[in-house]
């Protein structure tokens, strides 16, 4: 292992996990990436990448000597202290996030091992608190991803911001994560775990809102004879609004926006129904 750079463990070799592993390796870190599918691990070890993401295959090929792919959690635990969880959290039938893969990862971790669990998977607010409650000796850091399909490598290497959430007692783990990202130049926002979890959900919900909004404006423009492109351009010149995501089209989709909007809605309804919402509290 490189004596000067912290080794990195990545749990989940899907889109987020592969980008995370490849980019940390590009920065000079030794990386161990684990996935539960033997055929995927074997293909990646041969240099075969099934995911199309510009620049990803080149990074993996260039840094092949720094990246080890495995199905064994023990190999990950032996070689890395920082464990980035990058498993998917698909929507359930009710619209909430399915955390079964996250729970499976946590179940494989020893409670008193000195490892730091770094959650990059998108999870509802309160997930970190629940994990810490079940495993109080496990250091936990929330570090949500903000990667866009098609520009994920660029987004990782040149981030707008890096959000790092940690609660009292886990500051050392958060410091270690901040040190990994410190060379990339983006603003590092240190906060508590629940706020970090909410930043991810709120960000995606807001972007989905902008897409839905401009599509509704396009309908009005069509009725009144206005050019929605010019309307969007005029709106976007206002620095309070900005031009991003103000392009009318078929609406939002993909793997993140629909499930994150739904998860945020379910989360809000849960707290309102339980009486824990601020709007239900008596002064």
C-alpha atoms as a PDB file:
ATOM      1  CA  UNK A   1       0.000   0.000   0.000  1.00  0.00           C
ATOM      2  CA  UNK A   2       1.065   3.591  -0.597  1.00  0.00           C
ATOM      3  CA  UNK A   3       2.499   4.830   2.713  1.00  0.00           C
ATOM      4  CA  UNK A   4       1.486   8.418   2.084  1.00  0.00           C
ATOM      5  CA  UNK A   5      -2.134   8.016   1.006  1.00  0.00           C
ATOM      6  CA  UNK A   6      -5.014   6.415   2.887  1.00  0.00           C
ATOM      7  CA  UNK A   7      -6.184   3.127   1.326  1.00  0.00           C
ATOM      8  CA  UNK A   8      -9.836   3.153   0.332  1.00  0.00           C
ATOM      9  CA  UNK A   9     -12.456   0.416   0.439  1.00  0.00           C
ATOM     10  CA  UNK A  10     -15.529   0.559  -1.810  1.00  0.00           C
ATOM     11  CA  UNK A  11     -18.577  -1.622  -1.161  1.00  0.00           C
ATOM     12  CA  UNK A  12     -20.620  -2.042  -4.335  1.00  0.00           C
ATOM     13  CA  UNK A  13     -19.118  -2.013  -7.835  1.00  0.00           C
ATOM     14  CA  UNK A  14     -22.029  -0.427  -9.640  1.00  0.00           C
ATOM     15  CA  UNK A  15     -22.022   2.963 -11.331  1.00  0.00           C
ATOM     16  CA  UNK A  16     -21.266   5.063  -8.228  1.00  0.00           C
ATOM     17  CA  UNK A  17     -18.893   2.495  -6.772  1.00  0.00           C
ATOM     18  CA  UNK A  18     -16.821   2.118  -9.939  1.00  0.00           C
ATOM     19  CA  UNK A  19     -16.534   5.861 -10.445  1.00  0.00           C
ATOM     20  CA  UNK A  20     -15.541   6.290  -6.795  1.00  0.00           C
ATOM     21  CA  UNK A  21     -12.960   3.496  -6.982  1.00  0.00           C
ATOM     22  CA  UNK A  22     -11.470   4.665 -10.283  1.00  0.00           C
ATOM     23  CA  UNK A  23     -11.200   8.301  -9.227  1.00  0.00           C
ATOM     24  CA  UNK A  24      -9.597   7.546  -5.863  1.00  0.00           C
ATOM     25  CA  UNK A  25      -7.123   5.295  -7.665  1.00  0.00           C
ATOM     26  CA  UNK A  26      -6.407   8.122 -10.110  1.00  0.00           C
ATOM     27  CA  UNK A  27      -5.566  10.281  -7.094  1.00  0.00           C
ATOM     28  CA  UNK A  28      -2.982   7.687  -6.049  1.00  0.00           C
ATOM     29  CA  UNK A  29      -4.887   5.679  -3.452  1.00  0.00           C
ATOM     30  CA  UNK A  30      -4.815   1.906  -3.240  1.00  0.00           C
ATOM     31  CA  UNK A  31      -8.440   0.792  -3.639  1.00  0.00           C
ATOM     32  CA  UNK A  32     -10.197  -2.462  -2.791  1.00  0.00           C
ATOM     33  CA  UNK A  33     -13.673  -2.739  -4.338  1.00  0.00           C
ATOM     34  CA  UNK A  34     -16.091  -5.460  -3.256  1.00  0.00           C
ATOM     35  CA  UNK A  35     -19.210  -6.736  -4.981  1.00  0.00           C
ATOM     36  CA  UNK A  36     -21.388  -9.744  -4.178  1.00  0.00           C
ATOM     37  CA  UNK A  37     -21.633 -10.910  -7.819  1.00  0.00           C
ATOM     38  CA  UNK A  38     -18.656 -13.169  -8.681  1.00  0.00           C
ATOM     39  CA  UNK A  39     -19.181 -12.788 -12.438  1.00  0.00           C
ATOM     40  CA  UNK A  40     -19.030  -8.982 -12.156  1.00  0.00           C
ATOM     41  CA  UNK A  41     -15.879  -9.121 -10.034  1.00  0.00           C
ATOM     42  CA  UNK A  42     -14.214 -11.527 -12.457  1.00  0.00           C
ATOM     43  CA  UNK A  43     -15.091  -9.343 -15.445  1.00  0.00           C
ATOM     44  CA  UNK A  44     -13.776  -6.197 -13.758  1.00  0.00           C
ATOM     45  CA  UNK A  45     -10.570  -7.982 -12.811  1.00  0.00           C
ATOM     46  CA  UNK A  46     -10.122  -8.745 -16.531  1.00  0.00           C
ATOM     47  CA  UNK A  47     -10.675  -5.085 -17.356  1.00  0.00           C
ATOM     48  CA  UNK A  48     -14.167  -5.560 -18.754  1.00  0.00           C
ATOM     49  CA  UNK A  49     -16.492  -2.674 -17.847  1.00  0.00           C
ATOM     50  CA  UNK A  50     -20.197  -3.089 -18.577  1.00  0.00           C
ATOM     51  CA  UNK A  51     -21.073   0.480 -17.584  1.00  0.00           C
ATOM     52  CA  UNK A  52     -20.770   3.221 -20.198  1.00  0.00           C
ATOM     53  CA  UNK A  53     -19.538   6.391 -18.532  1.00  0.00           C
ATOM     54  CA  UNK A  54     -17.157   8.724 -20.390  1.00  0.00           C
ATOM     55  CA  UNK A  55     -13.613   8.420 -19.053  1.00  0.00           C
ATOM     56  CA  UNK A  56     -14.368   5.604 -16.607  1.00  0.00           C
ATOM     57  CA  UNK A  57     -12.900   2.720 -18.588  1.00  0.00           C
ATOM     58  CA  UNK A  58      -9.711   4.693 -19.253  1.00  0.00           C
ATOM     59  CA  UNK A  59      -9.300   5.453 -15.534  1.00  0.00           C
ATOM     60  CA  UNK A  60      -9.815   1.817 -14.574  1.00  0.00           C
ATOM     61  CA  UNK A  61      -7.330   0.648 -17.195  1.00  0.00           C
ATOM     62  CA  UNK A  62      -4.725   3.260 -16.264  1.00  0.00           C
ATOM     63  CA  UNK A  63      -4.973   2.484 -12.548  1.00  0.00           C
ATOM     64  CA  UNK A  64      -5.474  -1.284 -12.738  1.00  0.00           C
ATOM     65  CA  UNK A  65      -2.471  -1.936 -10.485  1.00  0.00           C
ATOM     66  CA  UNK A  66      -4.002   0.175  -7.708  1.00  0.00           C
ATOM     67  CA  UNK A  67      -7.479  -1.423  -7.752  1.00  0.00           C
ATOM     68  CA  UNK A  68      -8.317  -4.862  -6.411  1.00  0.00           C
ATOM     69  CA  UNK A  69     -11.766  -6.358  -7.039  1.00  0.00           C
ATOM     70  CA  UNK A  70     -13.083  -8.980  -4.637  1.00  0.00           C
ATOM     71  CA  UNK A  71     -16.221 -10.672  -3.342  1.00  0.00           C
ATOM     72  CA  UNK A  72     -14.773 -11.007   0.159  1.00  0.00           C
ATOM     73  CA  UNK A  73     -15.586  -8.411   2.807  1.00  0.00           C
ATOM     74  CA  UNK A  74     -12.660  -9.702   4.870  1.00  0.00           C
ATOM     75  CA  UNK A  75     -10.214  -8.575   2.179  1.00  0.00           C
ATOM     76  CA  UNK A  76     -11.751  -5.121   2.253  1.00  0.00           C
ATOM     77  CA  UNK A  77     -11.562  -4.943   6.058  1.00  0.00           C
ATOM     78  CA  UNK A  78      -7.944  -6.107   6.097  1.00  0.00           C
ATOM     79  CA  UNK A  79      -6.684  -3.504   3.647  1.00  0.00           C
ATOM     80  CA  UNK A  80      -8.772  -0.355   4.211  1.00  0.00           C
ATOM     81  CA  UNK A  81     -10.022   1.616   7.203  1.00  0.00           C
ATOM     82  CA  UNK A  82     -12.361   3.887   5.215  1.00  0.00           C
ATOM     83  CA  UNK A  83     -15.248   1.917   3.711  1.00  0.00           C
ATOM     84  CA  UNK A  84     -17.337   3.784   1.132  1.00  0.00           C
ATOM     85  CA  UNK A  85     -20.785   2.213   0.845  1.00  0.00           C
ATOM     86  CA  UNK A  86     -22.023   2.566  -2.752  1.00  0.00           C
ATOM     87  CA  UNK A  87     -24.852   0.034  -2.939  1.00  0.00           C
ATOM     88  CA  UNK A  88     -28.153   0.932  -4.564  1.00  0.00           C
ATOM     89  CA  UNK A  89     -31.282   1.862  -2.603  1.00  0.00           C
ATOM     90  CA  UNK A  90     -34.128   1.274  -5.083  1.00  0.00           C
ATOM     91  CA  UNK A  91     -37.684   2.386  -4.330  1.00  0.00           C
ATOM     92  CA  UNK A  92     -40.054  -0.030  -2.647  1.00  0.00           C
ATOM     93  CA  UNK A  93     -43.625  -0.567  -3.805  1.00  0.00           C
ATOM     94  CA  UNK A  94     -44.757   2.182  -1.407  1.00  0.00           C
ATOM     95  CA  UNK A  95     -42.146   4.624  -2.731  1.00  0.00           C
ATOM     96  CA  UNK A  96     -39.796   4.506   0.245  1.00  0.00           C
ATOM     97  CA  UNK A  97     -36.111   3.621  -0.163  1.00  0.00           C
ATOM     98  CA  UNK A  98     -35.213  -0.073   0.044  1.00  0.00           C
ATOM     99  CA  UNK A  99     -32.330  -0.226   2.525  1.00  0.00           C
ATOM    100  CA  UNK A 100     -31.900  -3.997   2.493  1.00  0.00           C
ATOM    101  CA  UNK A 101     -28.545  -3.786   0.699  1.00  0.00           C
ATOM    102  CA  UNK A 102     -27.302  -1.149   3.125  1.00  0.00           C
ATOM    103  CA  UNK A 103     -28.378  -3.295   6.073  1.00  0.00           C
ATOM    104  CA  UNK A 104     -26.597  -6.296   4.537  1.00  0.00           C
ATOM    105  CA  UNK A 105     -23.359  -4.316   4.361  1.00  0.00           C
ATOM    106  CA  UNK A 106     -23.670  -3.159   7.967  1.00  0.00           C
ATOM    107  CA  UNK A 107     -24.345  -6.732   9.084  1.00  0.00           C
ATOM    108  CA  UNK A 108     -20.967  -7.755   7.614  1.00  0.00           C
ATOM    109  CA  UNK A 109     -19.036  -5.162   9.606  1.00  0.00           C
ATOM    110  CA  UNK A 110     -17.453  -5.864  12.988  1.00  0.00           C
ATOM    111  CA  UNK A 111     -18.732  -3.347  15.533  1.00  0.00           C
ATOM    112  CA  UNK A 112     -15.384  -2.632  17.194  1.00  0.00           C
ATOM    113  CA  UNK A 113     -12.871  -2.762  14.375  1.00  0.00           C
ATOM    114  CA  UNK A 114     -11.707   0.825  13.995  1.00  0.00           C
ATOM    115  CA  UNK A 115     -13.232   1.106  10.519  1.00  0.00           C
ATOM    116  CA  UNK A 116     -15.170   4.137   9.296  1.00  0.00           C
ATOM    117  CA  UNK A 117     -18.375   3.506   7.371  1.00  0.00           C
ATOM    118  CA  UNK A 118     -18.748   6.269   4.770  1.00  0.00           C
ATOM    119  CA  UNK A 119     -22.269   6.311   3.338  1.00  0.00           C
ATOM    120  CA  UNK A 120     -22.394   7.407  -0.302  1.00  0.00           C
ATOM    121  CA  UNK A 121     -25.625   5.536  -1.053  1.00  0.00           C
ATOM    122  CA  UNK A 122     -28.679   7.788  -1.035  1.00  0.00           C
ATOM    123  CA  UNK A 123     -30.569   7.041   2.171  1.00  0.00           C
ATOM    124  CA  UNK A 124     -33.452   8.730   4.012  1.00  0.00           C
ATOM    125  CA  UNK A 125     -32.657  11.143   6.817  1.00  0.00           C
ATOM    126  CA  UNK A 126     -32.422   9.140  10.018  1.00  0.00           C
ATOM    127  CA  UNK A 127     -30.561   6.185   8.484  1.00  0.00           C
ATOM    128  CA  UNK A 128     -27.252   7.158  10.044  1.00  0.00           C
ATOM    129  CA  UNK A 129     -28.859   7.598  13.443  1.00  0.00           C
ATOM    130  CA  UNK A 130     -30.442   4.155  13.143  1.00  0.00           C
ATOM    131  CA  UNK A 131     -27.141   2.498  12.208  1.00  0.00           C
ATOM    132  CA  UNK A 132     -25.294   4.207  15.026  1.00  0.00           C
ATOM    133  CA  UNK A 133     -28.004   3.188  17.470  1.00  0.00           C
ATOM    134  CA  UNK A 134     -27.580  -0.455  16.468  1.00  0.00           C
ATOM    135  CA  UNK A 135     -23.758  -0.273  16.305  1.00  0.00           C
ATOM    136  CA  UNK A 136     -22.646   2.526  18.652  1.00  0.00           C
ATOM    137  CA  UNK A 137     -18.951   1.638  18.326  1.00  0.00           C
ATOM    138  CA  UNK A 138     -18.949   1.970  14.529  1.00  0.00           C
ATOM    139  CA  UNK A 139     -17.691   5.314  13.217  1.00  0.00           C
ATOM    140  CA  UNK A 140     -20.202   6.674  10.711  1.00  0.00           C
ATOM    141  CA  UNK A 141     -19.831   9.446   8.134  1.00  0.00           C
ATOM    142  CA  UNK A 142     -22.408  10.592   5.573  1.00  0.00           C
ATOM    143  CA  UNK A 143     -20.842  11.671   2.267  1.00  0.00           C
ATOM    144  CA  UNK A 144     -23.596  11.761  -0.371  1.00  0.00           C
ATOM    145  CA  UNK A 145     -22.687  11.622  -4.046  1.00  0.00           C
ATOM    146  CA  UNK A 146     -23.629  14.347  -6.532  1.00  0.00           C
ATOM    147  CA  UNK A 147     -22.596  12.683  -9.795  1.00  0.00           C
ATOM    148  CA  UNK A 148     -24.431  13.141 -13.081  1.00  0.00           C
ATOM    149  CA  UNK A 149     -24.653  10.408 -15.682  1.00  0.00           C
ATOM    150  CA  UNK A 150     -22.376  11.300 -18.567  1.00  0.00           C
ATOM    151  CA  UNK A 151     -20.114  13.592 -16.518  1.00  0.00           C
ATOM    152  CA  UNK A 152     -19.582  11.490 -13.383  1.00  0.00           C
ATOM    153  CA  UNK A 153     -15.785  11.344 -13.602  1.00  0.00           C
ATOM    154  CA  UNK A 154     -15.552  15.095 -14.160  1.00  0.00           C
ATOM    155  CA  UNK A 155     -18.023  15.717 -11.333  1.00  0.00           C
ATOM    156  CA  UNK A 156     -15.961  13.602  -8.944  1.00  0.00           C
ATOM    157  CA  UNK A 157     -12.623  15.147  -9.849  1.00  0.00           C
ATOM    158  CA  UNK A 158     -13.954  18.727  -9.915  1.00  0.00           C
ATOM    159  CA  UNK A 159     -16.848  18.853  -7.422  1.00  0.00           C
ATOM    160  CA  UNK A 160     -19.016  21.890  -6.725  1.00  0.00           C
ATOM    161  CA  UNK A 161     -19.041  20.807  -3.099  1.00  0.00           C
ATOM    162  CA  UNK A 162     -18.325  17.796  -0.931  1.00  0.00           C
ATOM    163  CA  UNK A 163     -20.768  17.243   1.927  1.00  0.00           C
ATOM    164  CA  UNK A 164     -19.379  15.419   4.954  1.00  0.00           C
ATOM    165  CA  UNK A 165     -21.734  14.715   7.834  1.00  0.00           C
ATOM    166  CA  UNK A 166     -20.640  13.360  11.188  1.00  0.00           C
ATOM    167  CA  UNK A 167     -22.076  13.440  14.682  1.00  0.00           C
ATOM    168  CA  UNK A 168     -20.130  13.962  17.951  1.00  0.00           C
ATOM    169  CA  UNK A 169     -17.576  11.217  18.453  1.00  0.00           C
ATOM    170  CA  UNK A 170     -16.955  10.616  14.753  1.00  0.00           C
ATOM    171  CA  UNK A 171     -14.985  13.774  13.981  1.00  0.00           C
ATOM    172  CA  UNK A 172     -11.774  11.830  13.308  1.00  0.00           C
ATOM    173  CA  UNK A 173     -13.500   9.754  10.627  1.00  0.00           C
ATOM    174  CA  UNK A 174     -14.900  12.910   9.041  1.00  0.00           C
ATOM    175  CA  UNK A 175     -11.414  14.466   9.085  1.00  0.00           C
ATOM    176  CA  UNK A 176     -10.040  11.447   7.219  1.00  0.00           C
ATOM    177  CA  UNK A 177     -12.753  11.688   4.561  1.00  0.00           C
ATOM    178  CA  UNK A 178     -12.175  15.436   4.211  1.00  0.00           C
ATOM    179  CA  UNK A 179      -8.472  14.774   3.675  1.00  0.00           C
ATOM    180  CA  UNK A 180      -9.295  12.474   0.740  1.00  0.00           C
ATOM    181  CA  UNK A 181     -11.327  15.161  -1.002  1.00  0.00           C
ATOM    182  CA  UNK A 182      -9.233  18.159   0.018  1.00  0.00           C
ATOM    183  CA  UNK A 183      -7.049  17.973  -3.103  1.00  0.00           C
ATOM    184  CA  UNK A 184     -10.012  18.298  -5.476  1.00  0.00           C
ATOM    185  CA  UNK A 185     -10.701  21.970  -4.869  1.00  0.00           C
ATOM    186  CA  UNK A 186     -14.442  21.919  -4.232  1.00  0.00           C
ATOM    187  CA  UNK A 187     -15.908  23.502  -1.121  1.00  0.00           C
ATOM    188  CA  UNK A 188     -16.085  21.014   1.739  1.00  0.00           C
ATOM    189  CA  UNK A 189     -19.204  21.408   3.853  1.00  0.00           C
ATOM    190  CA  UNK A 190     -18.961  19.832   7.302  1.00  0.00           C
ATOM    191  CA  UNK A 191     -22.269  19.186   8.998  1.00  0.00           C
ATOM    192  CA  UNK A 192     -24.177  16.637  11.071  1.00  0.00           C
ATOM    193  CA  UNK A 193     -25.323  13.323   9.602  1.00  0.00           C
ATOM    194  CA  UNK A 194     -29.044  14.114   9.333  1.00  0.00           C
ATOM    195  CA  UNK A 195     -28.325  17.397   7.541  1.00  0.00           C
ATOM    196  CA  UNK A 196     -25.980  15.680   5.089  1.00  0.00           C
ATOM    197  CA  UNK A 197     -28.650  13.093   4.323  1.00  0.00           C
ATOM    198  CA  UNK A 198     -31.237  15.832   3.782  1.00  0.00           C
ATOM    199  CA  UNK A 199     -28.936  17.888   1.540  1.00  0.00           C
ATOM    200  CA  UNK A 200     -28.883  15.040  -0.979  1.00  0.00           C
ATOM    201  CA  UNK A 201     -32.649  14.492  -0.986  1.00  0.00           C
ATOM    202  CA  UNK A 202     -33.468  18.205  -0.987  1.00  0.00           C
ATOM    203  CA  UNK A 203     -31.025  18.920  -3.829  1.00  0.00           C
ATOM    204  CA  UNK A 204     -32.519  16.299  -6.118  1.00  0.00           C
ATOM    205  CA  UNK A 205     -36.068  17.319  -5.216  1.00  0.00           C
ATOM    206  CA  UNK A 206     -35.276  20.948  -6.055  1.00  0.00           C
ATOM    207  CA  UNK A 207     -33.747  20.042  -9.426  1.00  0.00           C
ATOM    208  CA  UNK A 208     -36.779  17.893 -10.224  1.00  0.00           C
ATOM    209  CA  UNK A 209     -38.957  20.873  -9.277  1.00  0.00           C
ATOM    210  CA  UNK A 210     -37.105  23.126 -11.733  1.00  0.00           C
ATOM    211  CA  UNK A 211     -37.635  20.604 -14.528  1.00  0.00           C
ATOM    212  CA  UNK A 212     -41.332  20.245 -13.748  1.00  0.00           C
ATOM    213  CA  UNK A 213     -41.730  24.004 -13.396  1.00  0.00           C
ATOM    214  CA  UNK A 214     -40.237  24.906 -16.774  1.00  0.00           C
ATOM    215  CA  UNK A 215     -42.373  22.223 -18.433  1.00  0.00           C
ATOM    216  CA  UNK A 216     -45.488  23.830 -16.971  1.00  0.00           C
ATOM    217  CA  UNK A 217     -44.244  27.232 -18.115  1.00  0.00           C
ATOM    218  CA  UNK A 218     -43.761  25.746 -21.604  1.00  0.00           C
ATOM    219  CA  UNK A 219     -47.446  24.817 -21.657  1.00  0.00           C
ATOM    220  CA  UNK A 220     -48.418  28.387 -20.771  1.00  0.00           C
ATOM    221  CA  UNK A 221     -45.985  29.796 -23.351  1.00  0.00           C
ATOM    222  CA  UNK A 222     -47.581  27.691 -26.048  1.00  0.00           C
ATOM    223  CA  UNK A 223     -50.988  29.126 -25.205  1.00  0.00           C
ATOM    224  CA  UNK A 224     -49.878  32.764 -25.176  1.00  0.00           C
ATOM    225  CA  UNK A 225     -47.438  32.569 -28.113  1.00  0.00           C
ATOM    226  CA  UNK A 226     -44.260  33.034 -26.082  1.00  0.00           C
ATOM    227  CA  UNK A 227     -40.910  31.359 -26.803  1.00  0.00           C
ATOM    228  CA  UNK A 228     -40.170  29.157 -23.784  1.00  0.00           C
ATOM    229  CA  UNK A 229     -36.483  29.073 -24.726  1.00  0.00           C
ATOM    230  CA  UNK A 230     -36.289  32.849 -24.422  1.00  0.00           C
ATOM    231  CA  UNK A 231     -38.345  32.772 -21.231  1.00  0.00           C
ATOM    232  CA  UNK A 232     -35.991  30.197 -19.686  1.00  0.00           C
ATOM    233  CA  UNK A 233     -32.953  32.199 -20.800  1.00  0.00           C
ATOM    234  CA  UNK A 234     -34.353  35.360 -19.274  1.00  0.00           C
ATOM    235  CA  UNK A 235     -35.123  33.554 -16.044  1.00  0.00           C
ATOM    236  CA  UNK A 236     -31.708  31.911 -15.899  1.00  0.00           C
ATOM    237  CA  UNK A 237     -29.869  35.225 -16.123  1.00  0.00           C
ATOM    238  CA  UNK A 238     -31.195  35.985 -12.652  1.00  0.00           C
ATOM    239  CA  UNK A 239     -28.422  34.716 -10.344  1.00  0.00           C
ATOM    240  CA  UNK A 240     -31.045  33.709  -7.795  1.00  0.00           C
ATOM    241  CA  UNK A 241     -32.506  31.260 -10.316  1.00  0.00           C
ATOM    242  CA  UNK A 242     -29.666  30.220 -12.651  1.00  0.00           C
ATOM    243  CA  UNK A 243     -29.975  28.511 -16.056  1.00  0.00           C
ATOM    244  CA  UNK A 244     -29.419  24.889 -15.025  1.00  0.00           C
ATOM    245  CA  UNK A 245     -32.335  22.475 -15.423  1.00  0.00           C
ATOM    246  CA  UNK A 246     -34.523  25.098 -17.106  1.00  0.00           C
ATOM    247  CA  UNK A 247     -34.827  23.234 -20.399  1.00  0.00           C
ATOM    248  CA  UNK A 248     -38.312  21.999 -21.265  1.00  0.00           C
ATOM    249  CA  UNK A 249     -38.597  18.390 -22.294  1.00  0.00           C
ATOM    250  CA  UNK A 250     -40.218  15.096 -21.423  1.00  0.00           C
ATOM    251  CA  UNK A 251     -39.766  15.585 -17.686  1.00  0.00           C
ATOM    252  CA  UNK A 252     -37.341  14.163 -15.187  1.00  0.00           C
ATOM    253  CA  UNK A 253     -36.383  10.514 -15.026  1.00  0.00           C
ATOM    254  CA  UNK A 254     -33.285   8.443 -14.490  1.00  0.00           C
ATOM    255  CA  UNK A 255     -32.281   6.369 -11.491  1.00  0.00           C
ATOM    256  CA  UNK A 256     -32.166   9.144  -8.868  1.00  0.00           C
ATOM    257  CA  UNK A 257     -34.748  11.908  -9.234  1.00  0.00           C
ATOM    258  CA  UNK A 258     -37.956   9.815  -9.164  1.00  0.00           C
ATOM    259  CA  UNK A 259     -36.914   7.659  -6.217  1.00  0.00           C
ATOM    260  CA  UNK A 260     -35.403  10.544  -4.231  1.00  0.00           C
ATOM    261  CA  UNK A 261     -38.486  12.724  -4.691  1.00  0.00           C
ATOM    262  CA  UNK A 262     -40.637   9.795  -3.621  1.00  0.00           C
ATOM    263  CA  UNK A 263     -38.392   9.011  -0.638  1.00  0.00           C
ATOM    264  CA  UNK A 264     -38.513  12.636   0.515  1.00  0.00           C
ATOM    265  CA  UNK A 265     -42.296  12.643   0.226  1.00  0.00           C
ATOM    266  CA  UNK A 266     -42.538   9.412   2.228  1.00  0.00           C
ATOM    267  CA  UNK A 267     -40.163  10.788   4.856  1.00  0.00           C
ATOM    268  CA  UNK A 268     -42.224  13.953   5.289  1.00  0.00           C
ATOM    269  CA  UNK A 269     -45.444  11.956   5.532  1.00  0.00           C
ATOM    270  CA  UNK A 270     -43.901   9.615   8.088  1.00  0.00           C
ATOM    271  CA  UNK A 271     -42.942  12.430  10.435  1.00  0.00           C
ATOM    272  CA  UNK A 272     -46.234  14.233   9.978  1.00  0.00           C
ATOM    273  CA  UNK A 273     -48.230  11.075  10.663  1.00  0.00           C
ATOM    274  CA  UNK A 274     -46.156  10.254  13.743  1.00  0.00           C
ATOM    275  CA  UNK A 275     -46.597  13.708  15.214  1.00  0.00           C
ATOM    276  CA  UNK A 276     -42.852  14.368  15.120  1.00  0.00           C
ATOM    277  CA  UNK A 277     -43.140  17.023  12.436  1.00  0.00           C
ATOM    278  CA  UNK A 278     -42.476  20.602  13.629  1.00  0.00           C
ATOM    279  CA  UNK A 279     -45.900  21.610  12.328  1.00  0.00           C
ATOM    280  CA  UNK A 280     -47.502  19.220  14.819  1.00  0.00           C
ATOM    281  CA  UNK A 281     -45.483  20.243  17.858  1.00  0.00           C
ATOM    282  CA  UNK A 282     -46.983  22.483  20.469  1.00  0.00           C
ATOM    283  CA  UNK A 283     -44.930  25.482  21.570  1.00  0.00           C
END
